[in-house]
């Protein structure tokens, strides 16, 4: 049996990476000055490209390949393919992240490009929104739901994590800022009111 070539190994290890990224209508991809640029209805994104990655742009799709051999090439191909797919989705559909404020008097309000939050401290939290991130407070939520939207998945995730970090949900009453749908493991309160001791 003949030994496998490095190209054959890379293909076998990059089942996801070798699939082309479909480009929706209105989304364009270009490689210029060492960076990958994606533009669509929801905005524009750019990312530096490593010298070991090649993006071939065809009609309606883009294919990612790597010049490295073996596992390194496969990993780089798969990674950059995932990053490109994320950029395409972000510029075509956008990403949405929702945060809930739990607690008496906890409220949020958007003023221009700044998010103001009352989170039980003696002072309000003032958070400037990053460029490209939009924030809405639905009227029927009475200020307790923060809806973030944007094209850049990484910036979106970091923004949501930063806001949650101002007042993470505490484990006894669940007060704080949490992702919508997040399950917070609550601990039992300290025993004593009922006259029974706890372990």
Protein backbone atom coordinates (compact mmCIF):
# COMPACT_ATOMS: atom_id res chain seq x y z
CA UNK A 1 0.00 0.00 0.00
CA UNK A 2 1.36 3.40 -0.98
CA UNK A 3 1.76 5.96 1.81
CA UNK A 4 -0.71 8.84 1.85
CA UNK A 5 0.56 12.17 0.62
CA UNK A 6 0.33 15.28 2.79
CA UNK A 7 -2.45 16.61 0.53
CA UNK A 8 -4.52 13.47 1.04
CA UNK A 9 -4.04 13.64 4.81
CA UNK A 10 -5.09 17.31 4.89
CA UNK A 11 -8.25 16.55 2.93
CA UNK A 12 -9.14 13.64 5.17
CA UNK A 13 -8.76 15.82 8.28
CA UNK A 14 -10.63 18.85 6.91
CA UNK A 15 -14.12 17.58 6.21
CA UNK A 16 -15.67 20.86 7.29
CA UNK A 17 -12.93 23.16 6.06
CA UNK A 18 -13.02 21.92 2.48
CA UNK A 19 -16.72 22.76 2.06
CA UNK A 20 -17.29 26.04 0.21
CA UNK A 21 -18.99 28.91 2.05
CA UNK A 22 -22.20 29.87 0.26
CA UNK A 23 -22.55 33.61 -0.30
CA UNK A 24 -26.15 34.87 0.03
CA UNK A 25 -27.48 37.45 -2.39
CA UNK A 26 -26.06 40.90 -1.63
CA UNK A 27 -22.91 39.60 0.11
CA UNK A 28 -19.51 40.12 -1.49
CA UNK A 29 -16.12 38.75 -0.45
CA UNK A 30 -12.77 40.21 -1.48
CA UNK A 31 -9.12 39.73 -0.54
CA UNK A 32 -7.11 42.94 -0.56
CA UNK A 33 -3.86 44.06 1.07
CA UNK A 34 -3.56 40.89 3.11
CA UNK A 35 -7.04 41.09 4.60
CA UNK A 36 -10.34 39.35 3.96
CA UNK A 37 -13.23 41.76 3.48
CA UNK A 38 -16.90 40.82 3.57
CA UNK A 39 -19.69 43.26 2.83
CA UNK A 40 -23.44 42.73 3.04
CA UNK A 41 -26.77 44.35 3.98
CA UNK A 42 -25.90 44.34 7.71
CA UNK A 43 -22.48 45.96 7.39
CA UNK A 44 -18.82 45.47 6.52
CA UNK A 45 -16.23 43.26 8.23
CA UNK A 46 -12.50 42.78 7.68
CA UNK A 47 -9.99 40.31 9.08
CA UNK A 48 -6.23 39.92 8.52
CA UNK A 49 -5.35 36.79 6.56
CA UNK A 50 -2.39 34.57 7.49
CA UNK A 51 -0.01 33.88 4.65
CA UNK A 52 -0.79 30.17 4.82
CA UNK A 53 -4.46 30.61 3.89
CA UNK A 54 -5.89 31.11 0.41
CA UNK A 55 -9.49 32.13 -0.31
CA UNK A 56 -10.75 31.41 -3.81
CA UNK A 57 -13.85 33.45 -4.65
CA UNK A 58 -16.27 32.01 -7.15
CA UNK A 59 -19.80 32.90 -8.23
CA UNK A 60 -21.99 32.46 -5.17
CA UNK A 61 -19.34 30.82 -2.97
CA UNK A 62 -15.86 31.06 -1.46
CA UNK A 63 -13.44 28.20 -0.87
CA UNK A 64 -10.74 28.20 1.82
CA UNK A 65 -7.50 26.23 1.39
CA UNK A 66 -4.19 26.15 3.25
CA UNK A 67 -0.65 25.89 1.93
CA UNK A 68 0.48 23.98 5.04
CA UNK A 69 0.74 20.20 5.00
CA UNK A 70 -0.89 17.62 7.25
CA UNK A 71 -2.69 18.45 10.47
CA UNK A 72 -1.53 22.07 10.65
CA UNK A 73 -2.97 22.78 7.22
CA UNK A 74 -6.21 21.04 8.09
CA UNK A 75 -6.59 23.00 11.33
CA UNK A 76 -5.87 26.32 9.67
CA UNK A 77 -8.25 25.55 6.84
CA UNK A 78 -11.06 24.57 9.21
CA UNK A 79 -10.51 27.56 11.49
CA UNK A 80 -10.48 30.16 8.76
CA UNK A 81 -13.44 28.55 7.01
CA UNK A 82 -15.43 28.88 10.25
CA UNK A 83 -14.36 32.52 10.63
CA UNK A 84 -15.37 33.30 7.05
CA UNK A 85 -18.76 31.62 7.51
CA UNK A 86 -19.32 33.71 10.65
CA UNK A 87 -18.48 36.92 8.77
CA UNK A 88 -20.82 36.00 5.92
CA UNK A 89 -23.69 35.27 8.30
CA UNK A 90 -23.04 38.45 10.26
CA UNK A 91 -23.07 40.72 7.21
CA UNK A 92 -26.11 39.02 5.67
CA UNK A 93 -28.34 38.29 8.69
CA UNK A 94 -26.60 39.78 11.69
CA UNK A 95 -26.38 38.37 15.22
CA UNK A 96 -28.71 39.05 18.16
CA UNK A 97 -27.98 38.60 21.85
CA UNK A 98 -30.51 39.27 24.62
CA UNK A 99 -29.82 40.04 28.28
CA UNK A 100 -32.33 40.08 31.13
CA UNK A 101 -32.11 42.29 34.22
CA UNK A 102 -33.45 40.55 37.34
CA UNK A 103 -33.87 42.56 40.52
CA UNK A 104 -35.99 45.23 42.16
CA UNK A 105 -35.39 48.54 40.44
CA UNK A 106 -33.05 47.05 37.84
CA UNK A 107 -33.57 48.97 34.61
CA UNK A 108 -31.74 49.81 31.39
CA UNK A 109 -32.03 52.76 29.03
CA UNK A 110 -30.28 53.67 25.80
CA UNK A 111 -29.19 57.28 25.33
CA UNK A 112 -27.59 57.77 21.94
CA UNK A 113 -24.74 55.28 21.77
CA UNK A 114 -24.55 54.74 25.52
CA UNK A 115 -26.30 52.15 27.66
CA UNK A 116 -27.33 53.32 31.13
CA UNK A 117 -28.19 50.69 33.73
CA UNK A 118 -29.48 50.74 37.29
CA UNK A 119 -28.19 47.52 38.86
CA UNK A 120 -28.64 48.07 42.57
CA UNK A 121 -25.50 50.13 43.06
CA UNK A 122 -25.36 53.64 44.51
CA UNK A 123 -24.51 54.89 41.02
CA UNK A 124 -25.76 54.06 37.52
CA UNK A 125 -23.61 51.99 35.17
CA UNK A 126 -22.76 53.89 31.97
CA UNK A 127 -21.49 51.70 29.14
CA UNK A 128 -20.48 53.15 25.74
CA UNK A 129 -21.58 50.76 23.01
CA UNK A 130 -18.82 49.56 20.64
CA UNK A 131 -18.97 50.66 17.01
CA UNK A 132 -21.23 48.41 14.97
CA UNK A 133 -23.32 47.26 17.93
CA UNK A 134 -26.92 48.40 18.19
CA UNK A 135 -28.91 48.23 21.41
CA UNK A 136 -32.66 48.29 21.92
CA UNK A 137 -34.84 48.15 25.00
CA UNK A 138 -38.31 46.82 24.06
CA UNK A 139 -41.06 49.02 25.48
CA UNK A 140 -43.07 46.11 26.88
CA UNK A 141 -40.05 44.90 28.89
CA UNK A 142 -40.14 47.98 31.16
CA UNK A 143 -36.39 48.34 30.82
CA UNK A 144 -35.51 44.82 31.94
CA UNK A 145 -34.55 43.39 28.52
CA UNK A 146 -31.47 44.49 26.58
CA UNK A 147 -31.35 43.43 22.91
CA UNK A 148 -27.97 43.68 21.20
CA UNK A 149 -27.54 43.28 17.45
CA UNK A 150 -24.61 43.56 15.07
CA UNK A 151 -22.62 41.92 12.28
CA UNK A 152 -19.46 41.00 14.21
CA UNK A 153 -20.04 37.85 16.28
CA UNK A 154 -16.88 38.30 18.36
CA UNK A 155 -17.62 41.93 19.29
CA UNK A 156 -21.22 40.96 20.04
CA UNK A 157 -20.16 38.18 22.39
CA UNK A 158 -17.61 40.38 24.18
CA UNK A 159 -20.13 43.22 24.57
CA UNK A 160 -22.76 40.90 26.05
CA UNK A 161 -20.19 39.36 28.41
CA UNK A 162 -19.04 42.80 29.57
CA UNK A 163 -22.60 43.92 30.33
CA UNK A 164 -23.31 40.68 32.19
CA UNK A 165 -20.07 41.15 34.13
CA UNK A 166 -21.29 44.41 35.70
CA UNK A 167 -23.68 42.36 37.86
CA UNK A 168 -23.50 38.59 37.29
CA UNK A 169 -26.53 36.69 38.63
CA UNK A 170 -25.98 35.83 42.27
CA UNK A 171 -26.78 32.25 43.34
CA UNK A 172 -29.31 32.91 46.13
CA UNK A 173 -32.08 35.08 44.66
CA UNK A 174 -30.84 35.14 41.07
CA UNK A 175 -30.52 38.92 40.97
CA UNK A 176 -28.29 40.38 38.31
CA UNK A 177 -27.80 40.38 34.55
CA UNK A 178 -28.17 37.09 32.72
CA UNK A 179 -28.40 35.89 29.14
CA UNK A 180 -31.97 35.22 28.08
CA UNK A 181 -32.62 31.54 28.64
CA UNK A 182 -29.60 31.14 30.92
CA UNK A 183 -30.21 28.78 33.82
CA UNK A 184 -28.70 30.01 37.05
CA UNK A 185 -28.00 27.37 39.69
CA UNK A 186 -29.51 28.78 42.85
CA UNK A 187 -28.30 27.83 46.30
CA UNK A 188 -30.55 27.40 49.32
CA UNK A 189 -30.60 30.38 51.65
CA UNK A 190 -29.01 30.23 55.08
CA UNK A 191 -31.15 28.33 57.60
CA UNK A 192 -32.22 30.08 60.77
CA UNK A 193 -35.61 31.70 60.30
CA UNK A 194 -37.47 28.47 60.90
CA UNK A 195 -35.42 27.60 63.95
CA UNK A 196 -33.85 24.56 62.27
CA UNK A 197 -30.12 24.32 61.87
CA UNK A 198 -28.47 23.30 58.64
CA UNK A 199 -25.45 21.23 57.91
